[in-house]
Amino acid sequence: SSQCAPVGIILAVDPDRFAEVVEALRGAGLTVTGEQPSLGTLSGTV
């Protein structure tokens, strides 16, 4: 359980494909906690 403890992360993604990339990240296990689509950044835990 300690090996899989959630950690906070910040991601930079392609702002032109923001929604598509965020959806793929959620599918890969990311829990999104904040989004800035115009900057192409988001934060979350995983």
All heavy atoms as atom14 arrays in JSON, in Angstrom:
{
  "sequence": "SSQCAPVGIILAVDPDRFAEVVEALRGAGLTVTGEQPSLGTLSGTV",
  "atom14_mask": [
    [1, 1, 1, 1, 1, 1, 0, 0, 0, 0, 0, 0, 0, 0],
    [1, 1, 1, 1, 1, 1, 0, 0, 0, 0, 0, 0, 0, 0],
    [1, 1, 1, 1, 1, 1, 1, 1, 1, 0, 0, 0, 0, 0],
    [1, 1, 1, 1, 1, 1, 0, 0, 0, 0, 0, 0, 0, 0],
    [1, 1, 1, 1, 1, 0, 0, 0, 0, 0, 0, 0, 0, 0],
    [1, 1, 1, 1, 1, 1, 1, 0, 0, 0, 0, 0, 0, 0],
    [1, 1, 1, 1, 1, 1, 1, 0, 0, 0, 0, 0, 0, 0],
    [1, 1, 1, 1, 0, 0, 0, 0, 0, 0, 0, 0, 0, 0],
    [1, 1, 1, 1, 1, 1, 1, 1, 0, 0, 0, 0, 0, 0],
    [1, 1, 1, 1, 1, 1, 1, 1, 0, 0, 0, 0, 0, 0],
    [1, 1, 1, 1, 1, 1, 1, 1, 0, 0, 0, 0, 0, 0],
    [1, 1, 1, 1, 1, 0, 0, 0, 0, 0, 0, 0, 0, 0],
    [1, 1, 1, 1, 1, 1, 1, 0, 0, 0, 0, 0, 0, 0],
    [1, 1, 1, 1, 1, 1, 1, 1, 0, 0, 0, 0, 0, 0],
    [1, 1, 1, 1, 1, 1, 1, 0, 0, 0, 0, 0, 0, 0],
    [1, 1, 1, 1, 1, 1, 1, 1, 0, 0, 0, 0, 0, 0],
    [1, 1, 1, 1, 1, 1, 1, 1, 1, 1, 1, 0, 0, 0],
    [1, 1, 1, 1, 1, 1, 1, 1, 1, 1, 1, 0, 0, 0],
    [1, 1, 1, 1, 1, 0, 0, 0, 0, 0, 0, 0, 0, 0],
    [1, 1, 1, 1, 1, 1, 1, 1, 1, 0, 0, 0, 0, 0],
    [1, 1, 1, 1, 1, 1, 1, 0, 0, 0, 0, 0, 0, 0],
    [1, 1, 1, 1, 1, 1, 1, 0, 0, 0, 0, 0, 0, 0],
    [1, 1, 1, 1, 1, 1, 1, 1, 1, 0, 0, 0, 0, 0],
    [1, 1, 1, 1, 1, 0, 0, 0, 0, 0, 0, 0, 0, 0],
    [1, 1, 1, 1, 1, 1, 1, 1, 0, 0, 0, 0, 0, 0],
    [1, 1, 1, 1, 1, 1, 1, 1, 1, 1, 1, 0, 0, 0],
    [1, 1, 1, 1, 0, 0, 0, 0, 0, 0, 0, 0, 0, 0],
    [1, 1, 1, 1, 1, 0, 0, 0, 0, 0, 0, 0, 0, 0],
    [1, 1, 1, 1, 0, 0, 0, 0, 0, 0, 0, 0, 0, 0],
    [1, 1, 1, 1, 1, 1, 1, 1, 0, 0, 0, 0, 0, 0],
    [1, 1, 1, 1, 1, 1, 1, 0, 0, 0, 0, 0, 0, 0],
    [1, 1, 1, 1, 1, 1, 1, 0, 0, 0, 0, 0, 0, 0],
    [1, 1, 1, 1, 1, 1, 1, 0, 0, 0, 0, 0, 0, 0],
    [1, 1, 1, 1, 0, 0, 0, 0, 0, 0, 0, 0, 0, 0],
    [1, 1, 1, 1, 1, 1, 1, 1, 1, 0, 0, 0, 0, 0],
    [1, 1, 1, 1, 1, 1, 1, 1, 1, 0, 0, 0, 0, 0],
    [1, 1, 1, 1, 1, 1, 1, 0, 0, 0, 0, 0, 0, 0],
    [1, 1, 1, 1, 1, 1, 0, 0, 0, 0, 0, 0, 0, 0],
    [1, 1, 1, 1, 1, 1, 1, 1, 0, 0, 0, 0, 0, 0],
    [1, 1, 1, 1, 0, 0, 0, 0, 0, 0, 0, 0, 0, 0],
    [1, 1, 1, 1, 1, 1, 1, 0, 0, 0, 0, 0, 0, 0],
    [1, 1, 1, 1, 1, 1, 1, 1, 0, 0, 0, 0, 0, 0],
    [1, 1, 1, 1, 1, 1, 0, 0, 0, 0, 0, 0, 0, 0],
    [1, 1, 1, 1, 0, 0, 0, 0, 0, 0, 0, 0, 0, 0],
    [1, 1, 1, 1, 1, 1, 1, 0, 0, 0, 0, 0, 0, 0],
    [1, 1, 1, 1, 1, 1, 1, 0, 0, 0, 0, 0, 0, 0]
  ],
  "atom14_positions": [
    [[0.82, -1.21, 0.0], [0.0, 0.0, 0.0], [0.85, 1.26, 0.0], [0.48, 2.26, -0.6], [-0.95, 0.01, 1.2], [-0.22, 0.01, 2.39], [0.0, 0.0, 0.0], [0.0, 0.0, 0.0], [0.0, 0.0, 0.0], [0.0, 0.0, 0.0], [0.0, 0.0, 0.0], [0.0, 0.0, 0.0], [0.0, 0.0, 0.0], [0.0, 0.0, 0.0]],
    [[2.03, 1.24, 0.64], [2.87, 2.44, 0.64], [3.53, 2.65, -0.72], [3.86, 3.76, -1.08], [3.91, 2.37, 1.75], [4.82, 1.33, 1.51], [0.0, 0.0, 0.0], [0.0, 0.0, 0.0], [0.0, 0.0, 0.0], [0.0, 0.0, 0.0], [0.0, 0.0, 0.0], [0.0, 0.0, 0.0], [0.0, 0.0, 0.0], [0.0, 0.0, 0.0]],
    [[3.74, 1.58, -1.49], [4.33, 1.71, -2.82], [3.36, 2.4, -3.77], [3.78, 3.01, -4.74], [4.69, 0.34, -3.38], [5.85, -0.31, -2.67], [6.1, -1.71, -3.21], [5.35, -2.23, -4.01], [7.17, -2.32, -2.75], [0.0, 0.0, 0.0], [0.0, 0.0, 0.0], [0.0, 0.0, 0.0], [0.0, 0.0, 0.0], [0.0, 0.0, 0.0]],
    [[2.08, 2.3, -3.52], [1.08, 2.86, -4.43], [0.37, 4.06, -3.82], [-0.72, 4.41, -4.24], [0.07, 1.78, -4.79], [0.8, 0.4, -5.69], [0.0, 0.0, 0.0], [0.0, 0.0, 0.0], [0.0, 0.0, 0.0], [0.0, 0.0, 0.0], [0.0, 0.0, 0.0], [0.0, 0.0, 0.0], [0.0, 0.0, 0.0], [0.0, 0.0, 0.0]],
    [[0.97, 4.7, -2.83], [0.36, 5.86, -2.2], [0.24, 6.98, -3.23], [1.14, 7.19, -4.04], [1.21, 6.33, -1.02], [0.0, 0.0, 0.0], [0.0, 0.0, 0.0], [0.0, 0.0, 0.0], [0.0, 0.0, 0.0], [0.0, 0.0, 0.0], [0.0, 0.0, 0.0], [0.0, 0.0, 0.0], [0.0, 0.0, 0.0], [0.0, 0.0, 0.0]],
    [[-0.89, 7.7, -3.23], [-1.05, 8.79, -4.2], [-0.07, 9.93, -3.94], [0.23, 10.25, -2.8], [-2.49, 9.27, -3.99], [-3.08, 8.45, -2.92], [-2.05, 7.52, -2.39], [0.0, 0.0, 0.0], [0.0, 0.0, 0.0], [0.0, 0.0, 0.0], [0.0, 0.0, 0.0], [0.0, 0.0, 0.0], [0.0, 0.0, 0.0], [0.0, 0.0, 0.0]],
    [[0.43, 10.49, -5.02], [1.32, 11.63, -4.95], [0.73, 12.75, -5.8], [0.03, 12.5, -6.77], [2.75, 11.28, -5.44], [3.42, 10.3, -4.51], [2.75, 10.77, -6.86], [0.0, 0.0, 0.0], [0.0, 0.0, 0.0], [0.0, 0.0, 0.0], [0.0, 0.0, 0.0], [0.0, 0.0, 0.0], [0.0, 0.0, 0.0], [0.0, 0.0, 0.0]],
    [[1.04, 14.0, -5.42], [0.59, 15.14, -6.19], [1.54, 15.39, -7.35], [2.75, 15.31, -7.2], [0.0, 0.0, 0.0], [0.0, 0.0, 0.0], [0.0, 0.0, 0.0], [0.0, 0.0, 0.0], [0.0, 0.0, 0.0], [0.0, 0.0, 0.0], [0.0, 0.0, 0.0], [0.0, 0.0, 0.0], [0.0, 0.0, 0.0], [0.0, 0.0, 0.0]],
    [[0.96, 15.65, -8.53], [1.79, 15.91, -9.7], [1.21, 17.1, -10.48], [0.04, 17.45, -10.34], [1.91, 14.69, -10.63], [0.54, 14.21, -11.09], [2.67, 13.57, -9.97], [0.6, 13.15, -12.16], [0.0, 0.0, 0.0], [0.0, 0.0, 0.0], [0.0, 0.0, 0.0], [0.0, 0.0, 0.0], [0.0, 0.0, 0.0], [0.0, 0.0, 0.0]],
    [[2.07, 17.7, -11.28], [1.7, 18.78, -12.18], [2.12, 18.34, -13.58], [3.24, 17.86, -13.76], [2.41, 20.1, -11.79], [1.98, 20.52, -10.39], [2.09, 21.19, -12.8], [2.76, 21.66, -9.82], [0.0, 0.0, 0.0], [0.0, 0.0, 0.0], [0.0, 0.0, 0.0], [0.0, 0.0, 0.0], [0.0, 0.0, 0.0], [0.0, 0.0, 0.0]],
    [[1.22, 18.49, -14.53], [1.49, 18.05, -15.9], [1.38, 19.21, -16.87], [0.52, 20.08, -16.71], [0.49, 16.97, -16.32], [0.46, 15.72, -15.45], [-0.71, 15.79, -14.51], [0.38, 14.49, -16.3], [0.0, 0.0, 0.0], [0.0, 0.0, 0.0], [0.0, 0.0, 0.0], [0.0, 0.0, 0.0], [0.0, 0.0, 0.0], [0.0, 0.0, 0.0]],
    [[2.24, 19.21, -17.87], [2.13, 20.11, -19.01], [1.69, 19.26, -20.19], [2.28, 18.2, -20.45], [3.46, 20.79, -19.29], [0.0, 0.0, 0.0], [0.0, 0.0, 0.0], [0.0, 0.0, 0.0], [0.0, 0.0, 0.0], [0.0, 0.0, 0.0], [0.0, 0.0, 0.0], [0.0, 0.0, 0.0], [0.0, 0.0, 0.0], [0.0, 0.0, 0.0]],
    [[0.64, 19.7, -20.87], [0.1, 18.94, -21.99], [-0.12, 19.87, -23.18], [-0.11, 21.1, -23.04], [-1.22, 18.23, -21.61], [-1.01, 17.31, -20.42], [-2.33, 19.22, -21.33], [0.0, 0.0, 0.0], [0.0, 0.0, 0.0], [0.0, 0.0, 0.0], [0.0, 0.0, 0.0], [0.0, 0.0, 0.0], [0.0, 0.0, 0.0], [0.0, 0.0, 0.0]],
    [[-0.35, 19.28, -24.34], [-0.63, 20.04, -25.55], [-1.94, 20.81, -25.36], [-3.0, 20.2, -25.24], [-0.74, 19.07, -26.72], [-1.03, 19.73, -28.05], [-1.33, 20.95, -28.07], [-0.95, 19.03, -29.07], [0.0, 0.0, 0.0], [0.0, 0.0, 0.0], [0.0, 0.0, 0.0], [0.0, 0.0, 0.0], [0.0, 0.0, 0.0], [0.0, 0.0, 0.0]],
    [[-1.89, 22.15, -25.29], [-3.1, 22.92, -25.04], [-4.14, 22.8, -26.15], [-5.33, 22.97, -25.91], [-2.61, 24.36, -24.87], [-1.26, 24.4, -25.47], [-0.71, 23.01, -25.41], [0.0, 0.0, 0.0], [0.0, 0.0, 0.0], [0.0, 0.0, 0.0], [0.0, 0.0, 0.0], [0.0, 0.0, 0.0], [0.0, 0.0, 0.0], [0.0, 0.0, 0.0]],
    [[-3.71, 22.49, -27.37], [-4.64, 22.34, -28.48], [-5.46, 21.06, -28.4], [-6.48, 20.93, -29.06], [-3.9, 22.39, -29.82], [-3.23, 23.74, -30.07], [-3.78, 24.77, -29.61], [-2.17, 23.75, -30.71], [0.0, 0.0, 0.0], [0.0, 0.0, 0.0], [0.0, 0.0, 0.0], [0.0, 0.0, 0.0], [0.0, 0.0, 0.0], [0.0, 0.0, 0.0]],
    [[-4.99, 20.11, -27.59], [-5.68, 18.82, -27.43], [-6.01, 18.57, -25.97], [-6.12, 17.44, -25.52], [-4.77, 17.7, -27.96], [-4.45, 17.85, -29.43], [-3.47, 16.8, -29.94], [-3.72, 15.49, -29.43], [-2.74, 14.62, -29.1], [-1.48, 14.94, -29.25], [-3.04, 13.44, -28.62], [0.0, 0.0, 0.0], [0.0, 0.0, 0.0], [0.0, 0.0, 0.0]],
    [[-6.16, 19.65, -25.19], [-6.28, 19.56, -23.74], [-7.32, 18.54, -23.29], [-7.03, 17.63, -22.52], [-6.58, 20.94, -23.14], [-6.44, 20.98, -21.65], [-5.21, 21.17, -21.06], [-7.55, 20.81, -20.83], [-5.08, 21.2, -19.68], [-7.43, 20.84, -19.46], [-6.18, 21.03, -18.88], [0.0, 0.0, 0.0], [0.0, 0.0, 0.0], [0.0, 0.0, 0.0]],
    [[-8.56, 18.68, -23.75], [-9.65, 17.8, -23.29], [-9.35, 16.34, -23.6], [-9.55, 15.45, -22.76], [-10.98, 18.23, -23.9], [0.0, 0.0, 0.0], [0.0, 0.0, 0.0], [0.0, 0.0, 0.0], [0.0, 0.0, 0.0], [0.0, 0.0, 0.0], [0.0, 0.0, 0.0], [0.0, 0.0, 0.0], [0.0, 0.0, 0.0], [0.0, 0.0, 0.0]],
    [[-8.85, 16.09, -24.8], [-8.53, 14.72, -25.22], [-7.43, 14.12, -24.34], [-7.52, 12.96, -23.9], [-8.09, 14.76, -26.68], [-7.49, 13.5, -27.22], [-6.82, 13.71, -28.58], [-7.1, 14.72, -29.27], [-6.0, 12.85, -28.92], [0.0, 0.0, 0.0], [0.0, 0.0, 0.0], [0.0, 0.0, 0.0], [0.0, 0.0, 0.0], [0.0, 0.0, 0.0]],
    [[-6.39, 14.9, -24.09], [-5.26, 14.42, -23.29], [-5.69, 14.19, -21.84], [-5.33, 13.17, -21.23], [-4.05, 15.38, -23.38], [-2.92, 14.93, -22.48], [-3.58, 15.52, -24.82], [0.0, 0.0, 0.0], [0.0, 0.0, 0.0], [0.0, 0.0, 0.0], [0.0, 0.0, 0.0], [0.0, 0.0, 0.0], [0.0, 0.0, 0.0], [0.0, 0.0, 0.0]],
    [[-6.47, 15.11, -21.28], [-6.94, 14.95, -19.89], [-7.77, 13.68, -19.77], [-7.63, 12.93, -18.8], [-7.73, 16.2, -19.42], [-8.42, 15.94, -18.1], [-6.79, 17.39, -19.3], [0.0, 0.0, 0.0], [0.0, 0.0, 0.0], [0.0, 0.0, 0.0], [0.0, 0.0, 0.0], [0.0, 0.0, 0.0], [0.0, 0.0, 0.0], [0.0, 0.0, 0.0]],
    [[-8.63, 13.42, -20.74], [-9.44, 12.19, -20.69], [-8.55, 10.94, -20.72], [-8.78, 9.99, -19.97], [-10.43, 12.17, -21.86], [-11.53, 11.18, -21.69], [-12.36, 11.36, -20.43], [-12.6, 12.51, -20.0], [-12.76, 10.34, -19.84], [0.0, 0.0, 0.0], [0.0, 0.0, 0.0], [0.0, 0.0, 0.0], [0.0, 0.0, 0.0], [0.0, 0.0, 0.0]],
    [[-7.51, 10.95, -21.54], [-6.57, 9.82, -21.59], [-5.82, 9.68, -20.27], [-5.59, 8.56, -19.79], [-5.59, 10.0, -22.75], [0.0, 0.0, 0.0], [0.0, 0.0, 0.0], [0.0, 0.0, 0.0], [0.0, 0.0, 0.0], [0.0, 0.0, 0.0], [0.0, 0.0, 0.0], [0.0, 0.0, 0.0], [0.0, 0.0, 0.0], [0.0, 0.0, 0.0]],
    [[-5.46, 10.81, -19.66], [-4.76, 10.76, -18.37], [-5.67, 10.17, -17.29], [-5.22, 9.39, -16.45], [-4.29, 12.15, -17.97], [-3.12, 12.7, -18.8], [-2.94, 14.19, -18.56], [-1.84, 11.94, -18.47], [0.0, 0.0, 0.0], [0.0, 0.0, 0.0], [0.0, 0.0, 0.0], [0.0, 0.0, 0.0], [0.0, 0.0, 0.0], [0.0, 0.0, 0.0]],
    [[-6.93, 10.56, -17.29], [-7.88, 9.97, -16.33], [-7.95, 8.46, -16.52], [-7.98, 7.71, -15.56], [-9.25, 10.62, -16.48], [-9.32, 12.0, -15.9], [-10.76, 12.52, -15.91], [-10.84, 13.75, -15.16], [-11.26, 14.91, -15.65], [-11.67, 15.0, -16.91], [-11.3, 15.98, -14.89], [0.0, 0.0, 0.0], [0.0, 0.0, 0.0], [0.0, 0.0, 0.0]],
    [[-7.97, 8.03, -17.77], [-7.99, 6.59, -18.07], [-6.74, 5.88, -17.59], [-6.77, 4.68, -17.32], [0.0, 0.0, 0.0], [0.0, 0.0, 0.0], [0.0, 0.0, 0.0], [0.0, 0.0, 0.0], [0.0, 0.0, 0.0], [0.0, 0.0, 0.0], [0.0, 0.0, 0.0], [0.0, 0.0, 0.0], [0.0, 0.0, 0.0], [0.0, 0.0, 0.0]],
    [[-5.64, 6.61, -17.48], [-4.37, 6.03, -17.02], [-4.22, 6.1, -15.5], [-3.2, 5.73, -14.96], [-3.19, 6.73, -17.69], [0.0, 0.0, 0.0], [0.0, 0.0, 0.0], [0.0, 0.0, 0.0], [0.0, 0.0, 0.0], [0.0, 0.0, 0.0], [0.0, 0.0, 0.0], [0.0, 0.0, 0.0], [0.0, 0.0, 0.0], [0.0, 0.0, 0.0]],
    [[-5.26, 6.63, -14.81], [-5.24, 6.61, -13.35], [-5.14, 7.94, -12.66], [-5.1, 8.0, -11.43], [0.0, 0.0, 0.0], [0.0, 0.0, 0.0], [0.0, 0.0, 0.0], [0.0, 0.0, 0.0], [0.0, 0.0, 0.0], [0.0, 0.0, 0.0], [0.0, 0.0, 0.0], [0.0, 0.0, 0.0], [0.0, 0.0, 0.0], [0.0, 0.0, 0.0]],
    [[-5.11, 9.05, -13.4], [-4.98, 10.37, -12.79], [-6.31, 10.86, -12.23], [-7.34, 10.78, -12.9], [-4.47, 11.39, -13.82], [-4.3, 12.83, -13.32], [-3.13, 12.91, -12.34], [-4.08, 13.78, -14.48], [0.0, 0.0, 0.0], [0.0, 0.0, 0.0], [0.0, 0.0, 0.0], [0.0, 0.0, 0.0], [0.0, 0.0, 0.0], [0.0, 0.0, 0.0]],
    [[-6.28, 11.39, -11.01], [-7.41, 12.11, -10.44], [-7.08, 13.59, -10.58], [-6.14, 14.07, -9.96], [-7.62, 11.74, -8.95], [-7.88, 10.35, -8.86], [-8.77, 12.53, -8.35], [0.0, 0.0, 0.0], [0.0, 0.0, 0.0], [0.0, 0.0, 0.0], [0.0, 0.0, 0.0], [0.0, 0.0, 0.0], [0.0, 0.0, 0.0], [0.0, 0.0, 0.0]],
    [[-7.82, 14.29, -11.42], [-7.54, 15.7, -11.7], [-8.04, 16.56, -10.55], [-9.18, 16.42, -10.11], [-8.2, 16.13, -13.03], [-7.99, 17.61, -13.28], [-7.65, 15.31, -14.19], [0.0, 0.0, 0.0], [0.0, 0.0, 0.0], [0.0, 0.0, 0.0], [0.0, 0.0, 0.0], [0.0, 0.0, 0.0], [0.0, 0.0, 0.0], [0.0, 0.0, 0.0]],
    [[-7.18, 17.46, -10.08], [-7.55, 18.37, -8.99], [-7.58, 19.83, -9.44], [-8.1, 20.67, -8.73], [-6.61, 18.22, -7.78], [-5.27, 18.49, -8.2], [-6.69, 16.82, -7.18], [0.0, 0.0, 0.0], [0.0, 0.0, 0.0], [0.0, 0.0, 0.0], [0.0, 0.0, 0.0], [0.0, 0.0, 0.0], [0.0, 0.0, 0.0], [0.0, 0.0, 0.0]],
    [[-7.0, 20.13, -10.59], [-7.01, 21.5, -11.1], [-6.64, 21.52, -12.57], [-5.84, 20.72, -13.02], [0.0, 0.0, 0.0], [0.0, 0.0, 0.0], [0.0, 0.0, 0.0], [0.0, 0.0, 0.0], [0.0, 0.0, 0.0], [0.0, 0.0, 0.0], [0.0, 0.0, 0.0], [0.0, 0.0, 0.0], [0.0, 0.0, 0.0], [0.0, 0.0, 0.0]],
    [[-7.27, 22.42, -13.32], [-7.02, 22.52, -14.76], [-6.82, 23.97, -15.18], [-7.51, 24.86, -14.68], [-8.2, 21.97, -15.56], [-8.52, 20.53, -15.32], [-9.7, 20.05, -16.17], [-10.07, 20.74, -17.15], [-10.24, 19.0, -15.86], [0.0, 0.0, 0.0], [0.0, 0.0, 0.0], [0.0, 0.0, 0.0], [0.0, 0.0, 0.0], [0.0, 0.0, 0.0]],
    [[-5.89, 24.2, -16.09], [-5.68, 25.49, -16.73], [-5.53, 25.23, -18.23], [-4.41, 25.2, -18.76], [-4.46, 26.21, -16.17], [-4.64, 26.62, -14.72], [-3.44, 27.38, -14.21], [-2.31, 26.95, -14.37], [-3.7, 28.52, -13.6], [0.0, 0.0, 0.0], [0.0, 0.0, 0.0], [0.0, 0.0, 0.0], [0.0, 0.0, 0.0], [0.0, 0.0, 0.0]],
    [[-6.66, 25.0, -18.92], [-6.6, 24.6, -20.33], [-5.84, 25.58, -21.23], [-5.1, 25.15, -22.11], [-8.07, 24.53, -20.74], [-8.82, 24.34, -19.46], [-8.02, 25.05, -18.41], [0.0, 0.0, 0.0], [0.0, 0.0, 0.0], [0.0, 0.0, 0.0], [0.0, 0.0, 0.0], [0.0, 0.0, 0.0], [0.0, 0.0, 0.0], [0.0, 0.0, 0.0]],
    [[-5.99, 26.89, -21.01], [-5.33, 27.85, -21.9], [-3.81, 27.79, -21.76], [-3.08, 28.15, -22.68], [-5.83, 29.26, -21.63], [-5.51, 29.66, -20.31], [0.0, 0.0, 0.0], [0.0, 0.0, 0.0], [0.0, 0.0, 0.0], [0.0, 0.0, 0.0], [0.0, 0.0, 0.0], [0.0, 0.0, 0.0], [0.0, 0.0, 0.0], [0.0, 0.0, 0.0]],
    [[-3.32, 27.34, -20.6], [-1.88, 27.2, -20.38], [-1.38, 25.78, -20.66], [-0.18, 25.53, -20.69], [-1.52, 27.57, -18.93], [-1.81, 29.01, -18.52], [-1.51, 29.2, -17.05], [-1.01, 29.98, -19.38], [0.0, 0.0, 0.0], [0.0, 0.0, 0.0], [0.0, 0.0, 0.0], [0.0, 0.0, 0.0], [0.0, 0.0, 0.0], [0.0, 0.0, 0.0]],
    [[-2.31, 24.84, -20.82], [-1.92, 23.46, -21.04], [-1.33, 22.81, -19.81], [-0.45, 21.97, -19.91], [0.0, 0.0, 0.0], [0.0, 0.0, 0.0], [0.0, 0.0, 0.0], [0.0, 0.0, 0.0], [0.0, 0.0, 0.0], [0.0, 0.0, 0.0], [0.0, 0.0, 0.0], [0.0, 0.0, 0.0], [0.0, 0.0, 0.0], [0.0, 0.0, 0.0]],
    [[-1.83, 23.21, -18.63], [-1.34, 22.59, -17.38], [-2.5, 22.06, -16.56], [-3.62, 22.57, -16.63], [-0.54, 23.59, -16.53], [-1.37, 24.69, -16.18], [0.69, 24.09, -17.27], [0.0, 0.0, 0.0], [0.0, 0.0, 0.0], [0.0, 0.0, 0.0], [0.0, 0.0, 0.0], [0.0, 0.0, 0.0], [0.0, 0.0, 0.0], [0.0, 0.0, 0.0]],
    [[-2.21, 21.05, -15.79], [-3.17, 20.52, -14.85], [-2.44, 19.89, -13.68], [-1.26, 19.58, -13.76], [-4.12, 19.52, -15.51], [-3.55, 18.21, -16.02], [-4.58, 17.11, -15.83], [-3.2, 18.33, -17.48], [0.0, 0.0, 0.0], [0.0, 0.0, 0.0], [0.0, 0.0, 0.0], [0.0, 0.0, 0.0], [0.0, 0.0, 0.0], [0.0, 0.0, 0.0]],
    [[-3.16, 19.74, -12.59], [-2.6, 19.09, -11.41], [-3.52, 17.96, -11.02], [-4.68, 17.91, -11.41], [-2.46, 20.09, -10.25], [-3.73, 20.65, -9.94], [0.0, 0.0, 0.0], [0.0, 0.0, 0.0], [0.0, 0.0, 0.0], [0.0, 0.0, 0.0], [0.0, 0.0, 0.0], [0.0, 0.0, 0.0], [0.0, 0.0, 0.0], [0.0, 0.0, 0.0]],
    [[-2.96, 17.03, -10.28], [-3.76, 15.89, -9.85], [-2.99, 14.99, -8.93], [-1.86, 15.29, -8.52], [0.0, 0.0, 0.0], [0.0, 0.0, 0.0], [0.0, 0.0, 0.0], [0.0, 0.0, 0.0], [0.0, 0.0, 0.0], [0.0, 0.0, 0.0], [0.0, 0.0, 0.0], [0.0, 0.0, 0.0], [0.0, 0.0, 0.0], [0.0, 0.0, 0.0]],
    [[-3.62, 13.88, -8.61], [-2.98, 12.86, -7.79], [-3.06, 11.53, -8.54], [-3.99, 11.28, -9.31], [-3.66, 12.73, -6.41], [-5.04, 12.4, -6.59], [-3.52, 14.0, -5.6], [0.0, 0.0, 0.0], [0.0, 0.0, 0.0], [0.0, 0.0, 0.0], [0.0, 0.0, 0.0], [0.0, 0.0, 0.0], [0.0, 0.0, 0.0], [0.0, 0.0, 0.0]],
    [[-2.06, 10.7, -8.28], [-1.98, 9.4, -8.93], [-1.12, 8.49, -8.07], [-0.24, 8.97, -7.34], [-1.39, 9.53, -10.36], [0.06, 9.96, -10.32], [-1.57, 8.26, -11.17], [0.0, 0.0, 0.0], [0.0, 0.0, 0.0], [0.0, 0.0, 0.0], [0.0, 0.0, 0.0], [0.0, 0.0, 0.0], [0.0, 0.0, 0.0], [0.0, 0.0, 0.0]]
  ]
}
